[in-house]
Amino acid sequence: MSDVHICEVGPRDGLQNAKNLMPTEAKKAWIAALAAAGLREIEVGSFVPPKLIPAMADTAEIVSFARTIPNLKVVALAPNVKGFQRALEAGAHKVTFPVSASRAHSEANVRMTPDQMVEEVRRCASLPHPGVEIEGAVSTAFGCTMQGVVPEDDVVRIAAALAEFCDAVALADTVGYANPAQVKRVFSRVKKEIGEKLEGAHFHDTRGLGIANALAAYEAGVRGFDSSMGGLGGCPFAPGASGNVITEDLVFMFESMGVSTGIDLDALFKARELLARAIPQEPIYGHTPLAGLPKGFAPAATPR
């Protein structure tokens, strides 16, 4: 049993903003390698119109493939009822809904206000979905490139509304505006309001604070984290949104602290090689893969 749970979002959040399309078969090989490294939850795609995000056109096929991997929770993103129905038909184990706390971003991203999006998720939750988890992700929870400051009261209010009918709630720093003090404060406020329904943290590394923010969230009691291999990612509808916290560095940080992730770093580096070969024109990042593991490094599960 790991001490923290990491969901790899590269196949969705990473590839949706990439300039180069990854072939479907390469996606499958990459996802299989990620699972072989010990990742037990992978967000494999989103059910959005292909004309808007061509990289997600094969999501149904990818979900179907990922379901054949033992002990893997297959996650997909959906922005509305139609997307949710497609996710159910494809067989996703968990569906995440992006609910922006910024009105400007929400209207650009899903063509709805935040409150309208909350009601859209409520409608989805009222539909039969046996065995399928629903997560409400409060995006732009720490600031927005369009709106600027996002009031913390709005974040708490939206999270509380989602907690009424979602299985879990996450907070996302979609554009990388957060700092560690803010992360601790906002997560503490939301947890006080909704308790254990608050499960996840999703950070971007736009200003180099992604991993510091992840540590701050951990210190605030968060044990579920999203990350993206190679730091791929960003929101096509949020100007300036760069890549996610780097999976390889996040795993190394926790393991070096003695916090078990259940992920094998050497196998993770092999999965990274598949990613690099599949989209060689795409820049990928990561301090740990480039520097290598320190001499004498022992993962958290190894007796010290």
C-alpha atoms as a PDB file:
ATOM      1  CA  MET A   1       0.000   0.000   0.000  1.00  0.00           C
ATOM      2  CA  SER A   2       1.522   3.320  -1.059  1.00  0.00           C
ATOM      3  CA  ASP A   3       1.548   6.411   1.146  1.00  0.00           C
ATOM      4  CA  VAL A   4       0.474   8.699  -1.703  1.00  0.00           C
ATOM      5  CA  HIS A   5      -1.507   8.037  -4.869  1.00  0.00           C
ATOM      6  CA  ILE A   6      -0.356   9.488  -8.183  1.00  0.00           C
ATOM      7  CA  CYS A   7      -2.584   9.692 -11.256  1.00  0.00           C
ATOM      8  CA  GLU A   8      -0.696  10.065 -14.532  1.00  0.00           C
ATOM      9  CA  VAL A   9      -2.508  12.621 -16.711  1.00  0.00           C
ATOM     10  CA  GLY A  10      -0.026  12.806 -19.591  1.00  0.00           C
ATOM     11  CA  PRO A  11      -2.158  10.873 -22.105  1.00  0.00           C
ATOM     12  CA  ARG A  12      -4.905  13.456 -21.621  1.00  0.00           C
ATOM     13  CA  ASP A  13      -3.669  16.741 -20.182  1.00  0.00           C
ATOM     14  CA  GLY A  14      -0.216  16.260 -21.666  1.00  0.00           C
ATOM     15  CA  LEU A  15      -1.134  15.338 -25.211  1.00  0.00           C
ATOM     16  CA  GLN A  16      -4.090  17.716 -25.600  1.00  0.00           C
ATOM     17  CA  ASN A  17      -1.719  20.678 -25.732  1.00  0.00           C
ATOM     18  CA  ALA A  18       1.101  19.016 -27.690  1.00  0.00           C
ATOM     19  CA  LYS A  19       1.873  20.383 -31.134  1.00  0.00           C
ATOM     20  CA  ASN A  20       2.390  16.865 -32.490  1.00  0.00           C
ATOM     21  CA  LEU A  21      -0.136  14.023 -32.476  1.00  0.00           C
ATOM     22  CA  MET A  22       0.858  10.728 -30.891  1.00  0.00           C
ATOM     23  CA  PRO A  23      -0.264   7.702 -32.950  1.00  0.00           C
ATOM     24  CA  THR A  24      -2.905   5.543 -31.275  1.00  0.00           C
ATOM     25  CA  GLU A  25      -0.699   2.454 -31.082  1.00  0.00           C
ATOM     26  CA  ALA A  26       2.081   4.498 -29.491  1.00  0.00           C
ATOM     27  CA  LYS A  27      -0.390   5.779 -26.899  1.00  0.00           C
ATOM     28  CA  LYS A  28      -1.334   2.231 -26.032  1.00  0.00           C
ATOM     29  CA  ALA A  29       2.300   1.172 -25.628  1.00  0.00           C
ATOM     30  CA  TRP A  30       3.023   4.219 -23.481  1.00  0.00           C
ATOM     31  CA  ILE A  31       0.020   3.642 -21.219  1.00  0.00           C
ATOM     32  CA  ALA A  32       0.963  -0.025 -20.817  1.00  0.00           C
ATOM     33  CA  ALA A  33       4.508   1.002 -19.849  1.00  0.00           C
ATOM     34  CA  LEU A  34       3.210   3.534 -17.328  1.00  0.00           C
ATOM     35  CA  ALA A  35       1.042   0.848 -15.736  1.00  0.00           C
ATOM     36  CA  ALA A  36       4.001  -1.551 -15.694  1.00  0.00           C
ATOM     37  CA  ALA A  37       5.950   1.084 -13.742  1.00  0.00           C
ATOM     38  CA  GLY A  38       3.336   0.934 -11.000  1.00  0.00           C
ATOM     39  CA  LEU A  39       0.897   3.705 -11.883  1.00  0.00           C
ATOM     40  CA  ARG A  40      -2.517   2.445 -10.827  1.00  0.00           C
ATOM     41  CA  GLU A  41      -4.572   5.348 -12.188  1.00  0.00           C
ATOM     42  CA  ILE A  42      -4.125   6.959 -15.604  1.00  0.00           C
ATOM     43  CA  GLU A  43      -6.225   9.672 -17.229  1.00  0.00           C
ATOM     44  CA  VAL A  44      -6.130   8.324 -20.763  1.00  0.00           C
ATOM     45  CA  GLY A  45      -8.138  10.905 -22.701  1.00  0.00           C
ATOM     46  CA  SER A  46     -11.120  13.222 -22.869  1.00  0.00           C
ATOM     47  CA  PHE A  47     -14.478  13.024 -24.581  1.00  0.00           C
ATOM     48  CA  VAL A  48     -14.486  16.387 -26.310  1.00  0.00           C
ATOM     49  CA  PRO A  49     -15.228  17.279 -29.955  1.00  0.00           C
ATOM     50  CA  PRO A  50     -12.255  16.066 -32.071  1.00  0.00           C
ATOM     51  CA  LYS A  51     -12.409  19.234 -34.159  1.00  0.00           C
ATOM     52  CA  LEU A  52     -11.532  21.199 -31.009  1.00  0.00           C
ATOM     53  CA  ILE A  53      -8.831  18.847 -29.695  1.00  0.00           C
ATOM     54  CA  PRO A  54      -7.771  16.396 -32.456  1.00  0.00           C
ATOM     55  CA  ALA A  55      -5.369  14.597 -30.103  1.00  0.00           C
ATOM     56  CA  MET A  56      -8.367  13.189 -28.211  1.00  0.00           C
ATOM     57  CA  ALA A  57     -10.185  11.747 -31.245  1.00  0.00           C
ATOM     58  CA  ASP A  58      -9.199   8.171 -30.356  1.00  0.00           C
ATOM     59  CA  THR A  59     -10.173   8.327 -26.668  1.00  0.00           C
ATOM     60  CA  ALA A  60     -12.884   5.657 -26.884  1.00  0.00           C
ATOM     61  CA  GLU A  61     -10.409   3.188 -28.393  1.00  0.00           C
ATOM     62  CA  ILE A  62      -7.774   4.102 -25.803  1.00  0.00           C
ATOM     63  CA  VAL A  63     -10.229   3.598 -22.925  1.00  0.00           C
ATOM     64  CA  SER A  64     -11.204   0.208 -24.310  1.00  0.00           C
ATOM     65  CA  PHE A  65      -7.541  -0.821 -24.507  1.00  0.00           C
ATOM     66  CA  ALA A  66      -6.632   0.527 -21.071  1.00  0.00           C
ATOM     67  CA  ARG A  67      -9.444  -1.476 -19.500  1.00  0.00           C
ATOM     68  CA  THR A  68      -7.563  -4.664 -20.457  1.00  0.00           C
ATOM     69  CA  ILE A  69      -4.622  -3.722 -18.212  1.00  0.00           C
ATOM     70  CA  PRO A  70      -4.985  -5.477 -14.835  1.00  0.00           C
ATOM     71  CA  ASN A  71      -5.388  -3.340 -11.702  1.00  0.00           C
ATOM     72  CA  LEU A  72      -5.541  -0.066 -13.629  1.00  0.00           C
ATOM     73  CA  LYS A  73      -8.183   2.576 -12.934  1.00  0.00           C
ATOM     74  CA  VAL A  74      -9.018   4.136 -16.294  1.00  0.00           C
ATOM     75  CA  VAL A  75      -9.940   7.820 -16.075  1.00  0.00           C
ATOM     76  CA  ALA A  76     -11.423  10.082 -18.734  1.00  0.00           C
ATOM     77  CA  LEU A  77     -12.392  13.738 -18.709  1.00  0.00           C
ATOM     78  CA  ALA A  78     -15.818  14.924 -19.828  1.00  0.00           C
ATOM     79  CA  PRO A  79     -17.077  18.510 -20.088  1.00  0.00           C
ATOM     80  CA  ASN A  80     -20.812  17.843 -20.363  1.00  0.00           C
ATOM     81  CA  VAL A  81     -23.609  15.251 -20.438  1.00  0.00           C
ATOM     82  CA  LYS A  82     -22.769  14.125 -23.974  1.00  0.00           C
ATOM     83  CA  GLY A  83     -19.137  13.559 -23.056  1.00  0.00           C
ATOM     84  CA  PHE A  84     -20.159  11.723 -19.895  1.00  0.00           C
ATOM     85  CA  GLN A  85     -22.418   9.387 -21.850  1.00  0.00           C
ATOM     86  CA  ARG A  86     -19.580   8.643 -24.280  1.00  0.00           C
ATOM     87  CA  ALA A  87     -17.240   7.940 -21.359  1.00  0.00           C
ATOM     88  CA  LEU A  88     -19.762   5.508 -19.880  1.00  0.00           C
ATOM     89  CA  GLU A  89     -20.211   3.769 -23.227  1.00  0.00           C
ATOM     90  CA  ALA A  90     -16.454   3.408 -23.620  1.00  0.00           C
ATOM     91  CA  GLY A  91     -16.136   1.890 -20.149  1.00  0.00           C
ATOM     92  CA  ALA A  92     -14.184   4.471 -18.128  1.00  0.00           C
ATOM     93  CA  HIS A  93     -13.868   3.603 -14.449  1.00  0.00           C
ATOM     94  CA  LYS A  94     -13.801   7.246 -13.399  1.00  0.00           C
ATOM     95  CA  VAL A  95     -14.904  10.462 -15.084  1.00  0.00           C
ATOM     96  CA  THR A  96     -13.474  13.849 -14.156  1.00  0.00           C
ATOM     97  CA  PHE A  97     -15.346  17.086 -14.820  1.00  0.00           C
ATOM     98  CA  PRO A  98     -13.476  20.418 -15.050  1.00  0.00           C
ATOM     99  CA  VAL A  99     -15.406  23.105 -13.176  1.00  0.00           C
ATOM    100  CA  SER A 100     -13.535  26.379 -13.357  1.00  0.00           C
ATOM    101  CA  ALA A 101     -13.772  28.843 -10.485  1.00  0.00           C
ATOM    102  CA  SER A 102     -13.005  31.596 -13.001  1.00  0.00           C
ATOM    103  CA  ARG A 103     -16.001  32.740 -15.026  1.00  0.00           C
ATOM    104  CA  ALA A 104     -13.803  33.908 -17.915  1.00  0.00           C
ATOM    105  CA  HIS A 105     -11.975  30.585 -18.154  1.00  0.00           C
ATOM    106  CA  SER A 106     -15.153  28.563 -17.685  1.00  0.00           C
ATOM    107  CA  GLU A 107     -16.887  30.306 -20.575  1.00  0.00           C
ATOM    108  CA  ALA A 108     -13.820  29.867 -22.811  1.00  0.00           C
ATOM    109  CA  ASN A 109     -13.300  26.224 -21.821  1.00  0.00           C
ATOM    110  CA  VAL A 110     -16.823  24.773 -21.622  1.00  0.00           C
ATOM    111  CA  ARG A 111     -19.062  27.617 -22.833  1.00  0.00           C
ATOM    112  CA  MET A 112     -20.783  27.740 -19.449  1.00  0.00           C
ATOM    113  CA  THR A 113     -20.511  29.839 -16.297  1.00  0.00           C
ATOM    114  CA  PRO A 114     -19.125  28.069 -13.211  1.00  0.00           C
ATOM    115  CA  ASP A 115     -22.594  27.688 -11.714  1.00  0.00           C
ATOM    116  CA  GLN A 116     -23.991  26.344 -14.988  1.00  0.00           C
ATOM    117  CA  MET A 117     -21.140  23.826 -15.091  1.00  0.00           C
ATOM    118  CA  VAL A 118     -21.912  22.705 -11.540  1.00  0.00           C
ATOM    119  CA  GLU A 119     -25.487  22.019 -12.642  1.00  0.00           C
ATOM    120  CA  GLU A 120     -24.210  20.134 -15.713  1.00  0.00           C
ATOM    121  CA  VAL A 121     -22.184  17.850 -13.446  1.00  0.00           C
ATOM    122  CA  ARG A 122     -25.212  17.450 -11.182  1.00  0.00           C
ATOM    123  CA  ARG A 123     -27.253  16.270 -14.175  1.00  0.00           C
ATOM    124  CA  CYS A 124     -24.534  13.766 -15.070  1.00  0.00           C
ATOM    125  CA  ALA A 125     -24.432  12.454 -11.505  1.00  0.00           C
ATOM    126  CA  SER A 126     -28.191  11.901 -11.620  1.00  0.00           C
ATOM    127  CA  LEU A 127     -27.846   9.563 -14.619  1.00  0.00           C
ATOM    128  CA  PRO A 128     -27.313   5.825 -14.011  1.00  0.00           C
ATOM    129  CA  HIS A 129     -23.574   5.166 -13.742  1.00  0.00           C
ATOM    130  CA  PRO A 130     -23.141   1.954 -11.752  1.00  0.00           C
ATOM    131  CA  GLY A 131     -19.604   1.470 -10.517  1.00  0.00           C
ATOM    132  CA  VAL A 132     -18.269   4.614 -12.210  1.00  0.00           C
ATOM    133  CA  GLU A 133     -16.701   7.289 -10.007  1.00  0.00           C
ATOM    134  CA  ILE A 134     -17.379  10.974 -10.600  1.00  0.00           C
ATOM    135  CA  GLU A 135     -14.777  13.580  -9.682  1.00  0.00           C
ATOM    136  CA  GLY A 136     -15.373  17.310  -9.718  1.00  0.00           C
ATOM    137  CA  ALA A 137     -12.127  19.177 -10.362  1.00  0.00           C
ATOM    138  CA  VAL A 138     -12.202  22.851  -9.403  1.00  0.00           C
ATOM    139  CA  SER A 139      -9.879  24.343 -12.005  1.00  0.00           C
ATOM    140  CA  THR A 140      -8.176  27.777 -11.931  1.00  0.00           C
ATOM    141  CA  ALA A 141      -8.573  27.452  -8.155  1.00  0.00           C
ATOM    142  CA  PHE A 142      -5.520  29.617  -7.470  1.00  0.00           C
ATOM    143  CA  GLY A 143      -5.752  32.234 -10.202  1.00  0.00           C
ATOM    144  CA  CYS A 144      -6.539  32.681 -13.891  1.00  0.00           C
ATOM    145  CA  THR A 145      -4.683  34.213 -16.837  1.00  0.00           C
ATOM    146  CA  MET A 146      -7.972  35.630 -18.114  1.00  0.00           C
ATOM    147  CA  GLN A 147      -9.643  36.825 -14.922  1.00  0.00           C
ATOM    148  CA  GLY A 148      -6.621  37.312 -12.683  1.00  0.00           C
ATOM    149  CA  VAL A 149      -7.461  36.809  -9.022  1.00  0.00           C
ATOM    150  CA  VAL A 150      -9.971  34.046  -8.257  1.00  0.00           C
ATOM    151  CA  PRO A 151     -11.651  34.663  -4.882  1.00  0.00           C
ATOM    152  CA  GLU A 152     -11.042  31.827  -2.432  1.00  0.00           C
ATOM    153  CA  ASP A 153     -14.679  32.052  -1.370  1.00  0.00           C
ATOM    154  CA  ASP A 154     -15.687  31.071  -4.914  1.00  0.00           C
ATOM    155  CA  VAL A 155     -13.384  28.038  -4.790  1.00  0.00           C
ATOM    156  CA  VAL A 156     -14.837  26.900  -1.463  1.00  0.00           C
ATOM    157  CA  ARG A 157     -18.415  27.455  -2.652  1.00  0.00           C
ATOM    158  CA  ILE A 158     -17.943  25.493  -5.883  1.00  0.00           C
ATOM    159  CA  ALA A 159     -16.104  22.660  -4.119  1.00  0.00           C
ATOM    160  CA  ALA A 160     -18.912  22.419  -1.548  1.00  0.00           C
ATOM    161  CA  ALA A 161     -21.545  22.299  -4.292  1.00  0.00           C
ATOM    162  CA  LEU A 162     -19.686  19.531  -6.132  1.00  0.00           C
ATOM    163  CA  ALA A 163     -19.205  17.539  -2.930  1.00  0.00           C
ATOM    164  CA  GLU A 164     -22.994  17.183  -2.664  1.00  0.00           C
ATOM    165  CA  PHE A 165     -23.091  14.709  -5.563  1.00  0.00           C
ATOM    166  CA  CYS A 166     -19.513  13.869  -6.633  1.00  0.00           C
ATOM    167  CA  ASP A 167     -17.550  10.956  -5.200  1.00  0.00           C
ATOM    168  CA  ALA A 168     -14.459  13.137  -4.891  1.00  0.00           C
ATOM    169  CA  VAL A 169     -13.316  16.726  -5.384  1.00  0.00           C
ATOM    170  CA  ALA A 170      -9.897  17.983  -6.517  1.00  0.00           C
ATOM    171  CA  LEU A 171      -8.361  21.451  -6.716  1.00  0.00           C
ATOM    172  CA  ALA A 172      -6.386  22.384  -9.826  1.00  0.00           C
ATOM    173  CA  ASP A 173      -3.880  25.162 -10.443  1.00  0.00           C
ATOM    174  CA  THR A 174      -4.613  25.164 -14.162  1.00  0.00           C
ATOM    175  CA  VAL A 175      -2.298  28.029 -15.104  1.00  0.00           C
ATOM    176  CA  GLY A 176       0.432  27.731 -12.493  1.00  0.00           C
ATOM    177  CA  TYR A 177      -0.435  30.763 -10.357  1.00  0.00           C
ATOM    178  CA  ALA A 178      -0.282  29.054  -6.960  1.00  0.00           C
ATOM    179  CA  ASN A 179       2.358  29.401  -4.261  1.00  0.00           C
ATOM    180  CA  PRO A 180       2.903  27.020  -1.323  1.00  0.00           C
ATOM    181  CA  ALA A 181       1.393  29.299   1.339  1.00  0.00           C
ATOM    182  CA  GLN A 182      -1.725  29.793  -0.794  1.00  0.00           C
ATOM    183  CA  VAL A 183      -1.951  26.055  -1.451  1.00  0.00           C
ATOM    184  CA  LYS A 184      -1.938  25.240   2.257  1.00  0.00           C
ATOM    185  CA  ARG A 185      -4.524  27.926   2.982  1.00  0.00           C
ATOM    186  CA  VAL A 186      -6.978  27.027   0.212  1.00  0.00           C
ATOM    187  CA  PHE A 187      -6.741  23.267   0.700  1.00  0.00           C
ATOM    188  CA  SER A 188      -7.267  23.739   4.439  1.00  0.00           C
ATOM    189  CA  ARG A 189     -10.323  25.913   3.852  1.00  0.00           C
ATOM    190  CA  VAL A 190     -11.882  23.475   1.399  1.00  0.00           C
ATOM    191  CA  LYS A 191     -11.122  20.447   3.565  1.00  0.00           C
ATOM    192  CA  LYS A 192     -12.761  22.156   6.528  1.00  0.00           C
ATOM    193  CA  GLU A 193     -15.857  22.589   4.360  1.00  0.00           C
ATOM    194  CA  ILE A 194     -16.108  19.179   2.646  1.00  0.00           C
ATOM    195  CA  GLY A 195     -13.875  16.864   4.669  1.00  0.00           C
ATOM    196  CA  GLU A 196     -12.634  13.640   3.114  1.00  0.00           C
ATOM    197  CA  LYS A 197     -14.391  14.368  -0.196  1.00  0.00           C
ATOM    198  CA  LEU A 198     -11.359  16.540  -0.984  1.00  0.00           C
ATOM    199  CA  GLU A 199      -8.972  13.975  -2.441  1.00  0.00           C
ATOM    200  CA  GLY A 200      -6.779  15.408  -5.163  1.00  0.00           C
ATOM    201  CA  ALA A 201      -4.310  18.124  -6.180  1.00  0.00           C
ATOM    202  CA  HIS A 202      -3.427  19.083  -9.747  1.00  0.00           C
ATOM    203  CA  PHE A 203      -0.546  21.523 -10.260  1.00  0.00           C
ATOM    204  CA  HIS A 204       1.173  23.105 -13.238  1.00  0.00           C
ATOM    205  CA  ASP A 205       4.810  24.161 -13.222  1.00  0.00           C
ATOM    206  CA  THR A 206       4.462  27.445 -15.101  1.00  0.00           C
ATOM    207  CA  ARG A 207       6.656  29.409 -12.680  1.00  0.00           C
ATOM    208  CA  GLY A 208       8.694  26.533 -11.304  1.00  0.00           C
ATOM    209  CA  LEU A 209       6.616  26.091  -8.149  1.00  0.00           C
ATOM    210  CA  GLY A 210       4.738  22.940  -9.133  1.00  0.00           C
ATOM    211  CA  ILE A 211       6.662  20.485  -6.990  1.00  0.00           C
ATOM    212  CA  ALA A 212       6.844  22.950  -4.076  1.00  0.00           C
ATOM    213  CA  ASN A 213       3.077  23.288  -4.279  1.00  0.00           C
ATOM    214  CA  ALA A 214       2.693  19.502  -4.316  1.00  0.00           C
ATOM    215  CA  LEU A 215       4.760  19.281  -1.131  1.00  0.00           C
ATOM    216  CA  ALA A 216       2.655  22.033   0.450  1.00  0.00           C
ATOM    217  CA  ALA A 217      -0.505  20.108  -0.424  1.00  0.00           C
ATOM    218  CA  TYR A 218       0.995  16.951   1.069  1.00  0.00           C
ATOM    219  CA  GLU A 219       1.771  18.844   4.272  1.00  0.00           C
ATOM    220  CA  ALA A 220      -1.846  20.050   4.270  1.00  0.00           C
ATOM    221  CA  GLY A 221      -3.007  16.410   4.264  1.00  0.00           C
ATOM    222  CA  VAL A 222      -3.507  15.735   0.548  1.00  0.00           C
ATOM    223  CA  ARG A 223      -2.573  12.218  -0.553  1.00  0.00           C
ATOM    224  CA  GLY A 224      -3.747  12.173  -4.190  1.00  0.00           C
ATOM    225  CA  PHE A 225      -1.793  13.965  -6.922  1.00  0.00           C
ATOM    226  CA  ASP A 226      -2.004  14.400 -10.690  1.00  0.00           C
ATOM    227  CA  SER A 227       1.194  14.671 -12.692  1.00  0.00           C
ATOM    228  CA  SER A 228       2.373  14.340 -16.273  1.00  0.00           C
ATOM    229  CA  MET A 229       5.399  12.462 -17.601  1.00  0.00           C
ATOM    230  CA  GLY A 230       7.995  14.823 -19.021  1.00  0.00           C
ATOM    231  CA  GLY A 231       6.000  17.820 -17.799  1.00  0.00           C
ATOM    232  CA  LEU A 232       3.749  17.728 -20.840  1.00  0.00           C
ATOM    233  CA  GLY A 233       0.498  19.598 -20.688  1.00  0.00           C
ATOM    234  CA  GLY A 234      -1.476  22.783 -20.535  1.00  0.00           C
ATOM    235  CA  CYS A 235      -4.983  23.949 -21.302  1.00  0.00           C
ATOM    236  CA  PRO A 236      -5.668  24.974 -24.922  1.00  0.00           C
ATOM    237  CA  PHE A 237      -8.275  27.442 -23.650  1.00  0.00           C
ATOM    238  CA  ALA A 238      -6.131  29.067 -20.954  1.00  0.00           C
ATOM    239  CA  PRO A 239      -3.432  31.310 -22.455  1.00  0.00           C
ATOM    240  CA  GLY A 240      -0.087  30.806 -20.752  1.00  0.00           C
ATOM    241  CA  ALA A 241      -0.933  27.444 -19.190  1.00  0.00           C
ATOM    242  CA  SER A 242       2.225  25.372 -19.421  1.00  0.00           C
ATOM    243  CA  GLY A 243       3.011  21.820 -18.443  1.00  0.00           C
ATOM    244  CA  ASN A 244       2.065  19.815 -15.405  1.00  0.00           C
ATOM    245  CA  VAL A 245       4.163  18.792 -12.454  1.00  0.00           C
ATOM    246  CA  ILE A 246       6.648  16.248 -13.802  1.00  0.00           C
ATOM    247  CA  THR A 247       5.779  12.690 -12.779  1.00  0.00           C
ATOM    248  CA  GLU A 248       9.390  11.548 -12.614  1.00  0.00           C
ATOM    249  CA  ASP A 249      10.404  14.396 -10.289  1.00  0.00           C
ATOM    250  CA  LEU A 250       7.280  14.071  -8.122  1.00  0.00           C
ATOM    251  CA  VAL A 251       7.873  10.344  -7.623  1.00  0.00           C
ATOM    252  CA  PHE A 252      11.546  10.949  -6.806  1.00  0.00           C
ATOM    253  CA  MET A 253      10.683  13.660  -4.280  1.00  0.00           C
ATOM    254  CA  PHE A 254       8.275  11.458  -2.383  1.00  0.00           C
ATOM    255  CA  GLU A 255      10.407   8.326  -2.535  1.00  0.00           C
ATOM    256  CA  SER A 256      13.512  10.218  -1.358  1.00  0.00           C
ATOM    257  CA  MET A 257      11.442  11.506   1.583  1.00  0.00           C
ATOM    258  CA  GLY A 258      10.520   7.954   2.532  1.00  0.00           C
ATOM    259  CA  VAL A 259       6.951   8.405   1.256  1.00  0.00           C
ATOM    260  CA  SER A 260       5.980   5.396  -0.853  1.00  0.00           C
ATOM    261  CA  THR A 261       4.342   5.936  -4.250  1.00  0.00           C
ATOM    262  CA  GLY A 262       4.302   2.297  -5.399  1.00  0.00           C
ATOM    263  CA  ILE A 263       6.077   3.421  -8.590  1.00  0.00           C
ATOM    264  CA  ASP A 264       9.379   2.010  -9.861  1.00  0.00           C
ATOM    265  CA  LEU A 265      11.599   4.840 -11.095  1.00  0.00           C
ATOM    266  CA  ASP A 266      13.709   2.703 -13.442  1.00  0.00           C
ATOM    267  CA  ALA A 267      10.555   1.403 -15.126  1.00  0.00           C
ATOM    268  CA  LEU A 268       9.213   4.956 -15.226  1.00  0.00           C
ATOM    269  CA  PHE A 269      12.325   6.085 -17.116  1.00  0.00           C
ATOM    270  CA  LYS A 270      11.698   3.310 -19.665  1.00  0.00           C
ATOM    271  CA  ALA A 271       8.167   4.597 -20.196  1.00  0.00           C
ATOM    272  CA  ARG A 272       9.672   8.050 -20.734  1.00  0.00           C
ATOM    273  CA  GLU A 273      11.816   6.634 -23.543  1.00  0.00           C
ATOM    274  CA  LEU A 274       8.659   5.422 -25.300  1.00  0.00           C
ATOM    275  CA  LEU A 275       7.168   8.903 -24.964  1.00  0.00           C
ATOM    276  CA  ALA A 276      10.273  10.549 -26.404  1.00  0.00           C
ATOM    277  CA  ARG A 277      10.324   8.180 -29.388  1.00  0.00           C
ATOM    278  CA  ALA A 278       6.607   8.582 -30.102  1.00  0.00           C
ATOM    279  CA  ILE A 279       6.674  12.396 -30.347  1.00  0.00           C
ATOM    280  CA  PRO A 280      10.357  13.282 -30.827  1.00  0.00           C
ATOM    281  CA  GLN A 281       9.625  16.877 -31.854  1.00  0.00           C
ATOM    282  CA  GLU A 282       7.904  17.589 -28.534  1.00  0.00           C
ATOM    283  CA  PRO A 283      10.102  18.972 -25.735  1.00  0.00           C
ATOM    284  CA  ILE A 284       9.945  16.942 -22.525  1.00  0.00           C
ATOM    285  CA  TYR A 285      11.335  17.962 -19.179  1.00  0.00           C
ATOM    286  CA  GLY A 286      12.477  16.450 -15.910  1.00  0.00           C
ATOM    287  CA  HIS A 287      15.420  16.993 -13.586  1.00  0.00           C
ATOM    288  CA  THR A 288      15.552  13.457 -12.195  1.00  0.00           C
ATOM    289  CA  PRO A 289      15.696  11.570 -15.528  1.00  0.00           C
ATOM    290  CA  LEU A 290      18.458  13.853 -16.795  1.00  0.00           C
ATOM    291  CA  ALA A 291      20.564  13.817 -13.637  1.00  0.00           C
ATOM    292  CA  GLY A 292      19.935  10.175 -12.772  1.00  0.00           C
ATOM    293  CA  LEU A 293      19.287   8.709  -9.352  1.00  0.00           C
ATOM    294  CA  PRO A 294      21.787   9.645  -6.624  1.00  0.00           C
ATOM    295  CA  LYS A 295      24.391   7.109  -5.612  1.00  0.00           C
ATOM    296  CA  GLY A 296      23.009   5.081  -2.718  1.00  0.00           C
ATOM    297  CA  PHE A 297      19.406   6.095  -3.420  1.00  0.00           C
ATOM    298  CA  ALA A 298      16.872   3.704  -1.896  1.00  0.00           C
ATOM    299  CA  PRO A 299      13.136   3.963  -2.614  1.00  0.00           C
ATOM    300  CA  ALA A 300      10.728   4.375   0.261  1.00  0.00           C
ATOM    301  CA  ALA A 301       9.765   0.695   0.338  1.00  0.00           C
ATOM    302  CA  THR A 302      13.419  -0.357   0.805  1.00  0.00           C
ATOM    303  CA  PRO A 303      14.617  -0.768   4.406  1.00  0.00           C
ATOM    304  CA  ARG A 304      17.080   2.010   5.248  1.00  0.00           C
END
